[in-house]
Amino acid sequence: MVKVFVKENFFVLLFMTVTIIAGIMLIFSVSEDQIPYKEITVQEGDSLWSIAKEYNSGQEMKEEDFIMWVQKENRLHSVKILPGDTLVIPIVSHSSHTGGQVAFKGE
């Protein structure tokens, strides 16, 4: 009996499943905090700590949290960065650091 029901209503069940999954994905994507970010190009002598000090001054995020966010969002497996690397950082800066553009995550 269950096999017959599934067979007769396969497309309805498939549609309902896809709709539920899409709805859940939409709810979670809307509820995430949209952290503004900036892309920067690593300069000679830069480190994650110097970037955190430059771009995180006056923000509520601790330097350690800033560095962990940068590592996670840029998929860095260590703290080593090289000149010419492009990094996404979690704030908009008004400093004179070169090579960046303002955007929002997800665009």
C-alpha atoms as a PDB file:
ATOM      1  CA  MET A   1       0.000   0.000   0.000  1.00  0.00           C
ATOM      2  CA  VAL A   2       2.821   2.407   0.850  1.00  0.00           C
ATOM      3  CA  LYS A   3       4.637   1.498  -2.365  1.00  0.00           C
ATOM      4  CA  VAL A   4       1.533   2.287  -4.371  1.00  0.00           C
ATOM      5  CA  PHE A   5       1.094   5.642  -2.609  1.00  0.00           C
ATOM      6  CA  VAL A   6       4.712   6.613  -3.212  1.00  0.00           C
ATOM      7  CA  LYS A   7       4.572   5.489  -6.825  1.00  0.00           C
ATOM      8  CA  GLU A   8       1.362   7.413  -7.545  1.00  0.00           C
ATOM      9  CA  ASN A   9       2.509  10.570  -5.747  1.00  0.00           C
ATOM     10  CA  PHE A  10       6.217  10.537  -6.551  1.00  0.00           C
ATOM     11  CA  PHE A  11       6.291  13.991  -8.182  1.00  0.00           C
ATOM     12  CA  VAL A  12       4.217  15.582  -5.427  1.00  0.00           C
ATOM     13  CA  LEU A  13       6.502  14.113  -2.773  1.00  0.00           C
ATOM     14  CA  LEU A  14       9.593  15.187  -4.705  1.00  0.00           C
ATOM     15  CA  PHE A  15       8.221  18.729  -5.090  1.00  0.00           C
ATOM     16  CA  MET A  16       7.394  18.936  -1.372  1.00  0.00           C
ATOM     17  CA  THR A  17      10.866  17.699  -0.414  1.00  0.00           C
ATOM     18  CA  VAL A  18      12.635  20.182  -2.676  1.00  0.00           C
ATOM     19  CA  THR A  19      10.412  23.015  -1.401  1.00  0.00           C
ATOM     20  CA  ILE A  20      11.146  22.185   2.236  1.00  0.00           C
ATOM     21  CA  ILE A  21      14.892  21.970   1.641  1.00  0.00           C
ATOM     22  CA  ALA A  22      14.896  25.264  -0.291  1.00  0.00           C
ATOM     23  CA  GLY A  23      12.894  26.925   2.487  1.00  0.00           C
ATOM     24  CA  ILE A  24      15.306  25.758   5.160  1.00  0.00           C
ATOM     25  CA  MET A  25      18.276  26.967   3.130  1.00  0.00           C
ATOM     26  CA  LEU A  26      16.610  30.359   2.630  1.00  0.00           C
ATOM     27  CA  ILE A  27      15.871  30.728   6.337  1.00  0.00           C
ATOM     28  CA  PHE A  28      19.469  30.006   7.307  1.00  0.00           C
ATOM     29  CA  SER A  29      20.958  32.235   4.616  1.00  0.00           C
ATOM     30  CA  VAL A  30      18.768  35.182   5.629  1.00  0.00           C
ATOM     31  CA  SER A  31      19.402  34.724   9.337  1.00  0.00           C
ATOM     32  CA  GLU A  32      23.211  34.779   9.012  1.00  0.00           C
ATOM     33  CA  ASP A  33      24.886  37.987  10.061  1.00  0.00           C
ATOM     34  CA  GLN A  34      26.003  39.793   6.942  1.00  0.00           C
ATOM     35  CA  ILE A  35      29.458  40.959   7.955  1.00  0.00           C
ATOM     36  CA  PRO A  36      30.785  43.644   5.630  1.00  0.00           C
ATOM     37  CA  TYR A  37      34.143  42.701   4.255  1.00  0.00           C
ATOM     38  CA  LYS A  38      36.959  44.170   2.268  1.00  0.00           C
ATOM     39  CA  GLU A  39      39.391  42.499  -0.091  1.00  0.00           C
ATOM     40  CA  ILE A  40      42.999  43.498   0.434  1.00  0.00           C
ATOM     41  CA  THR A  41      46.268  42.550  -1.198  1.00  0.00           C
ATOM     42  CA  VAL A  42      48.988  41.516   1.232  1.00  0.00           C
ATOM     43  CA  GLN A  43      51.972  43.859   1.117  1.00  0.00           C
ATOM     44  CA  GLU A  44      55.620  43.135   1.960  1.00  0.00           C
ATOM     45  CA  GLY A  45      55.973  42.941   5.756  1.00  0.00           C
ATOM     46  CA  ASP A  46      52.266  42.298   6.425  1.00  0.00           C
ATOM     47  CA  SER A  47      51.196  39.630   8.888  1.00  0.00           C
ATOM     48  CA  LEU A  48      47.753  38.644  10.108  1.00  0.00           C
ATOM     49  CA  TRP A  49      48.547  40.474  13.348  1.00  0.00           C
ATOM     50  CA  SER A  50      49.583  43.716  11.608  1.00  0.00           C
ATOM     51  CA  ILE A  51      46.485  43.531   9.396  1.00  0.00           C
ATOM     52  CA  ALA A  52      44.326  42.942  12.495  1.00  0.00           C
ATOM     53  CA  LYS A  53      45.861  45.975  14.211  1.00  0.00           C
ATOM     54  CA  GLU A  54      45.395  48.168  11.129  1.00  0.00           C
ATOM     55  CA  TYR A  55      41.864  47.161  10.154  1.00  0.00           C
ATOM     56  CA  ASN A  56      40.376  46.126  13.488  1.00  0.00           C
ATOM     57  CA  SER A  57      41.167  49.246  15.505  1.00  0.00           C
ATOM     58  CA  GLY A  58      38.094  50.638  17.215  1.00  0.00           C
ATOM     59  CA  GLN A  59      36.000  47.544  16.451  1.00  0.00           C
ATOM     60  CA  GLU A  60      34.295  45.232  18.917  1.00  0.00           C
ATOM     61  CA  MET A  61      36.066  42.126  17.574  1.00  0.00           C
ATOM     62  CA  LYS A  62      39.176  40.995  19.482  1.00  0.00           C
ATOM     63  CA  GLU A  63      42.352  40.690  17.414  1.00  0.00           C
ATOM     64  CA  GLU A  64      42.377  36.926  17.973  1.00  0.00           C
ATOM     65  CA  ASP A  65      38.779  36.663  16.721  1.00  0.00           C
ATOM     66  CA  PHE A  66      39.634  38.864  13.731  1.00  0.00           C
ATOM     67  CA  ILE A  67      42.560  36.600  12.815  1.00  0.00           C
ATOM     68  CA  MET A  68      40.465  33.443  13.235  1.00  0.00           C
ATOM     69  CA  TRP A  69      37.726  34.970  11.010  1.00  0.00           C
ATOM     70  CA  VAL A  70      40.301  35.849   8.340  1.00  0.00           C
ATOM     71  CA  GLN A  71      41.797  32.348   8.499  1.00  0.00           C
ATOM     72  CA  LYS A  72      38.368  30.699   8.216  1.00  0.00           C
ATOM     73  CA  GLU A  73      37.000  32.900   5.416  1.00  0.00           C
ATOM     74  CA  ASN A  74      40.218  32.679   3.401  1.00  0.00           C
ATOM     75  CA  ARG A  75      40.690  28.959   4.087  1.00  0.00           C
ATOM     76  CA  LEU A  76      44.141  29.527   5.556  1.00  0.00           C
ATOM     77  CA  HIS A  77      45.619  26.494   7.276  1.00  0.00           C
ATOM     78  CA  SER A  78      48.321  28.551   8.988  1.00  0.00           C
ATOM     79  CA  VAL A  79      49.044  32.177   9.790  1.00  0.00           C
ATOM     80  CA  LYS A  80      51.569  32.442   6.953  1.00  0.00           C
ATOM     81  CA  ILE A  81      50.634  34.960   4.259  1.00  0.00           C
ATOM     82  CA  LEU A  82      52.725  36.169   1.344  1.00  0.00           C
ATOM     83  CA  PRO A  83      52.985  39.493  -0.490  1.00  0.00           C
ATOM     84  CA  GLY A  84      50.508  39.496  -3.360  1.00  0.00           C
ATOM     85  CA  ASP A  85      48.002  37.216  -1.584  1.00  0.00           C
ATOM     86  CA  THR A  86      44.436  38.508  -1.637  1.00  0.00           C
ATOM     87  CA  LEU A  87      42.575  38.298   1.663  1.00  0.00           C
ATOM     88  CA  VAL A  88      39.024  38.994   2.708  1.00  0.00           C
ATOM     89  CA  ILE A  89      38.870  40.877   6.003  1.00  0.00           C
ATOM     90  CA  PRO A  90      35.724  41.423   8.079  1.00  0.00           C
ATOM     91  CA  ILE A  91      35.475  45.196   8.183  1.00  0.00           C
ATOM     92  CA  VAL A  92      35.518  48.254   5.998  1.00  0.00           C
ATOM     93  CA  SER A  93      38.599  50.334   6.642  1.00  0.00           C
ATOM     94  CA  HIS A  94      39.228  53.996   6.027  1.00  0.00           C
ATOM     95  CA  SER A  95      42.989  53.501   6.222  1.00  0.00           C
ATOM     96  CA  SER A  96      45.426  54.082   3.403  1.00  0.00           C
ATOM     97  CA  HIS A  97      46.156  50.365   2.868  1.00  0.00           C
ATOM     98  CA  THR A  98      46.210  49.776  -0.884  1.00  0.00           C
ATOM     99  CA  GLY A  99      44.703  47.174  -3.133  1.00  0.00           C
ATOM    100  CA  GLY A 100      41.206  46.746  -1.701  1.00  0.00           C
ATOM    101  CA  GLN A 101      37.620  47.120  -2.681  1.00  0.00           C
ATOM    102  CA  VAL A 102      34.504  47.220  -0.545  1.00  0.00           C
ATOM    103  CA  ALA A 103      31.908  44.483  -1.016  1.00  0.00           C
ATOM    104  CA  PHE A 104      29.483  42.384   0.974  1.00  0.00           C
ATOM    105  CA  LYS A 105      29.875  38.699   1.541  1.00  0.00           C
ATOM    106  CA  GLY A 106      27.606  36.759  -0.747  1.00  0.00           C
ATOM    107  CA  GLU A 107      27.672  39.143  -3.702  1.00  0.00           C
END
